[in-house]
Amino acid sequence: MAALDVKQKMQHNPWNQQNQASAITIVLAHPLSSERNVQVYEVDDEKFGCRVEDGKKLFFDEIFIRELTEKEQEENAKYEELLKEHVEGFDKAAEVAPTDENGLLDLSNADFPSVPEEPSFCTALVKVELDGCFALDGKLYKDSELQRELTKEEKEKVKEYEELVQRSFDDYYEKLLAGESDPYVRPAPPKLCN
């Protein structure tokens, strides 16, 4: 199929334009393991993202962040219940969704329940990849090992870089939808990995 044909199909298919991000969110909101009550992604025994273990221990990837407060534990319990309801609703909607000519589910008209918002303690955790290390929760890590606390100035640089990366990716995505296919190039990060 020519690039122009793909662009035209994307422009004329409102599902592609309006719901791609939602579909990605729906897929990502589901655990990769068969245990529906787990809110973590596992690949080759490695765990990714924000998760709570034992009802009160907050992790990001393999890194222990801290113990949850009592209020956060309540927020997590509510989130887990909403996520369970969402997964059940998603499964029911997927069961009745028709298949396309290739035997794949046609989700363009599916009525999916909305994805619950992540708990506030997860949305506050942002992992920012730098060259050779990463920043997370005001700290600098290399190979998942804590190196040091970031200074106030470094935290500001990381925040500015995170915003720059988001803007550059948003621009890239808009160009991609417009039919331009240059590869994404991540902006140069601040030099903090020494």
Protein backbone atom coordinates (compact mmCIF):
# COMPACT_ATOMS: atom_id res chain seq x y z
CA MET A 1 0.00 0.00 0.00
CA ALA A 2 1.40 3.41 -0.91
CA ALA A 3 2.16 5.95 1.81
CA LEU A 4 -0.55 8.23 0.46
CA ASP A 5 -3.13 5.43 0.71
CA VAL A 6 -2.22 4.86 4.37
CA LYS A 7 -2.47 8.59 5.08
CA GLN A 8 -5.86 8.81 3.37
CA LYS A 9 -7.17 5.79 5.27
CA MET A 10 -5.99 7.30 8.56
CA GLN A 11 -7.64 10.63 7.75
CA HIS A 12 -10.93 9.00 6.77
CA ASN A 13 -11.06 6.50 9.61
CA PRO A 14 -12.10 8.37 12.75
CA TRP A 15 -11.21 5.36 14.90
CA ASN A 16 -7.58 5.64 13.84
CA GLN A 17 -7.41 9.34 14.57
CA GLN A 18 -9.43 9.63 17.74
CA ASN A 19 -9.00 6.35 19.52
CA GLN A 20 -5.44 5.21 18.90
CA ALA A 21 -4.22 6.63 22.18
CA SER A 22 -7.22 5.18 23.99
CA ALA A 23 -6.60 1.75 22.49
CA ILE A 24 -2.97 1.88 23.52
CA THR A 25 -4.03 2.87 27.03
CA ILE A 26 -6.55 0.02 27.15
CA VAL A 27 -3.96 -2.52 26.09
CA LEU A 28 -1.35 -1.16 28.49
CA ALA A 29 -3.81 -1.13 31.37
CA HIS A 30 -4.01 -4.91 31.26
CA PRO A 31 -1.42 -7.05 32.95
CA LEU A 32 0.69 -9.31 30.80
CA SER A 33 0.38 -12.16 33.25
CA SER A 34 -2.82 -14.17 33.54
CA GLU A 35 -3.43 -12.95 37.07
CA ARG A 36 -5.99 -10.19 36.58
CA ASN A 37 -5.43 -8.61 39.99
CA VAL A 38 -1.81 -7.75 39.26
CA GLN A 39 -1.12 -4.22 38.03
CA VAL A 40 2.40 -4.78 36.81
CA TYR A 41 3.93 -5.78 33.51
CA GLU A 42 6.27 -8.75 33.50
CA VAL A 43 8.66 -9.61 30.70
CA ASP A 44 11.29 -12.29 31.29
CA ASP A 45 10.76 -12.08 35.07
CA GLU A 46 11.38 -8.32 35.12
CA LYS A 47 8.67 -6.00 36.41
CA PHE A 48 8.02 -2.59 34.86
CA GLY A 49 6.18 0.50 35.96
CA CYS A 50 4.56 1.65 39.16
CA ARG A 51 3.25 -1.12 41.36
CA VAL A 52 2.32 -1.88 44.94
CA GLU A 53 3.40 -5.08 46.65
CA ASP A 54 1.96 -6.45 49.89
CA GLY A 55 -0.64 -3.66 49.81
CA LYS A 56 1.79 -1.01 51.01
CA LYS A 57 5.23 -1.18 49.35
CA LEU A 58 5.61 1.17 46.38
CA PHE A 59 7.97 0.10 43.60
CA PHE A 60 8.86 1.51 40.21
CA ASP A 61 10.32 -1.17 37.96
CA GLU A 62 12.54 -3.13 40.38
CA ILE A 63 13.24 -0.11 42.60
CA PHE A 64 11.64 0.16 46.04
CA ILE A 65 10.47 3.75 46.46
CA ARG A 66 8.79 3.85 49.88
CA GLU A 67 5.96 2.60 52.07
CA LEU A 68 2.51 3.96 51.20
CA THR A 69 0.67 6.10 53.72
CA GLU A 70 -2.62 4.80 55.08
CA LYS A 71 -4.52 7.18 52.78
CA GLU A 72 -2.50 5.94 49.78
CA GLN A 73 -3.23 2.33 50.73
CA GLU A 74 -6.96 3.16 50.61
CA GLU A 75 -6.47 4.89 47.24
CA ASN A 76 -4.64 1.81 45.94
CA ALA A 77 -7.39 -0.56 47.13
CA LYS A 78 -10.01 1.57 45.34
CA TYR A 79 -7.86 1.67 42.18
CA GLU A 80 -7.40 -2.12 42.20
CA GLU A 81 -11.18 -2.60 42.46
CA LEU A 82 -11.83 -0.15 39.59
CA LEU A 83 -9.13 -1.83 37.50
CA LYS A 84 -10.69 -5.24 38.14
CA GLU A 85 -14.08 -3.90 37.00
CA HIS A 86 -12.44 -2.37 33.93
CA VAL A 87 -10.69 -5.61 32.96
CA GLU A 88 -13.93 -7.57 33.37
CA GLY A 89 -15.79 -5.01 31.22
CA PHE A 90 -13.02 -5.06 28.62
CA ASP A 91 -13.14 -8.84 28.46
CA LYS A 92 -16.94 -8.80 28.02
CA ALA A 93 -16.72 -6.18 25.24
CA ALA A 94 -13.95 -8.11 23.49
CA GLU A 95 -15.99 -11.34 23.65
CA VAL A 96 -18.80 -9.82 21.57
CA ALA A 97 -16.60 -7.78 19.21
CA PRO A 98 -16.72 -9.01 15.61
CA THR A 99 -13.61 -10.11 13.77
CA ASP A 100 -12.29 -8.59 10.56
CA GLU A 101 -11.35 -10.44 7.37
CA ASN A 102 -8.02 -11.46 8.96
CA GLY A 103 -9.64 -12.97 12.03
CA LEU A 104 -8.54 -10.08 14.26
CA LEU A 105 -10.94 -8.38 16.64
CA ASP A 106 -12.59 -5.32 15.12
CA LEU A 107 -12.63 -2.94 18.07
CA SER A 108 -13.73 0.15 16.13
CA ASN A 109 -17.29 0.03 17.50
CA ALA A 110 -16.59 -1.71 20.81
CA ASP A 111 -18.03 -0.17 23.95
CA PHE A 112 -15.12 -0.35 26.38
CA PRO A 113 -15.34 0.86 29.95
CA SER A 114 -13.09 3.79 30.73
CA VAL A 115 -9.67 3.06 32.15
CA PRO A 116 -9.42 4.12 35.81
CA GLU A 117 -6.98 6.87 36.65
CA GLU A 118 -3.73 5.71 38.16
CA PRO A 119 -3.30 6.44 41.86
CA SER A 120 -1.71 9.82 42.59
CA PHE A 121 1.41 8.19 44.00
CA CYS A 122 1.98 6.53 40.60
CA THR A 123 1.30 9.58 38.45
CA ALA A 124 3.84 11.47 40.54
CA LEU A 125 6.56 8.92 39.65
CA VAL A 126 8.22 9.68 36.33
CA LYS A 127 11.30 7.83 35.12
CA VAL A 128 13.42 10.07 32.89
CA GLU A 129 16.01 8.26 30.78
CA LEU A 130 19.32 10.07 30.49
CA ASP A 131 22.52 8.95 28.74
CA GLY A 132 23.74 6.03 30.86
CA CYS A 133 21.46 6.58 33.85
CA PHE A 134 17.96 7.71 34.77
CA ALA A 135 16.24 10.08 37.16
CA LEU A 136 13.35 8.87 39.32
CA ASP A 137 11.68 10.46 42.32
CA GLY A 138 14.40 13.09 42.74
CA LYS A 139 17.21 10.56 42.64
CA LEU A 140 19.77 9.43 40.07
CA TYR A 141 20.10 5.70 39.27
CA LYS A 142 22.48 3.68 37.14
CA ASP A 143 21.62 0.05 36.36
CA SER A 144 18.79 0.34 38.94
CA GLU A 145 21.31 1.21 41.66
CA LEU A 146 20.89 4.48 43.53
CA GLN A 147 23.79 6.81 42.78
CA ARG A 148 22.75 9.96 44.61
CA GLU A 149 20.04 12.51 45.33
CA LEU A 150 19.56 15.17 42.68
CA THR A 151 20.18 18.79 43.61
CA LYS A 152 17.36 21.32 43.28
CA GLU A 153 19.00 22.66 40.10
CA GLU A 154 19.36 19.14 38.65
CA LYS A 155 15.72 18.35 39.44
CA GLU A 156 14.72 21.45 37.47
CA LYS A 157 16.93 20.37 34.53
CA VAL A 158 15.33 16.92 34.57
CA LYS A 159 11.82 18.44 34.65
CA GLU A 160 12.66 20.76 31.73
CA TYR A 161 14.15 17.84 29.79
CA GLU A 162 11.10 15.67 30.47
CA GLU A 163 8.85 18.44 29.10
CA LEU A 164 11.13 18.87 26.05
CA VAL A 165 10.99 15.14 25.30
CA GLN A 166 7.19 15.15 25.60
CA ARG A 167 6.86 18.14 23.24
CA SER A 168 9.28 16.63 20.72
CA PHE A 169 7.44 13.30 20.77
CA ASP A 170 4.07 15.04 20.39
CA ASP A 171 5.47 16.90 17.36
CA TYR A 172 6.83 13.64 15.93
CA TYR A 173 3.48 11.91 16.41
CA GLU A 174 1.61 14.75 14.67
CA LYS A 175 4.02 14.52 11.72
CA LEU A 176 3.61 10.75 11.66
CA LEU A 177 -0.18 11.13 11.45
CA ALA A 178 0.34 13.66 8.65
CA GLY A 179 2.24 11.03 6.67
CA GLU A 180 5.79 12.08 7.41
CA SER A 181 7.89 9.13 8.47
CA ASP A 182 11.22 10.47 9.68
CA PRO A 183 12.47 8.46 12.66
CA TYR A 184 12.05 9.95 16.12
CA VAL A 185 15.20 11.52 17.51
CA ARG A 186 15.23 12.09 21.25
CA PRO A 187 16.63 15.46 22.35
CA ALA A 188 20.02 15.38 24.08
CA PRO A 189 19.58 14.97 27.86
CA PRO A 190 21.35 17.01 30.52
CA LYS A 191 24.74 15.59 31.51
CA LEU A 192 24.06 14.13 34.96
CA CYS A 193 25.40 10.57 34.66
CA ASN A 194 28.96 11.21 35.79
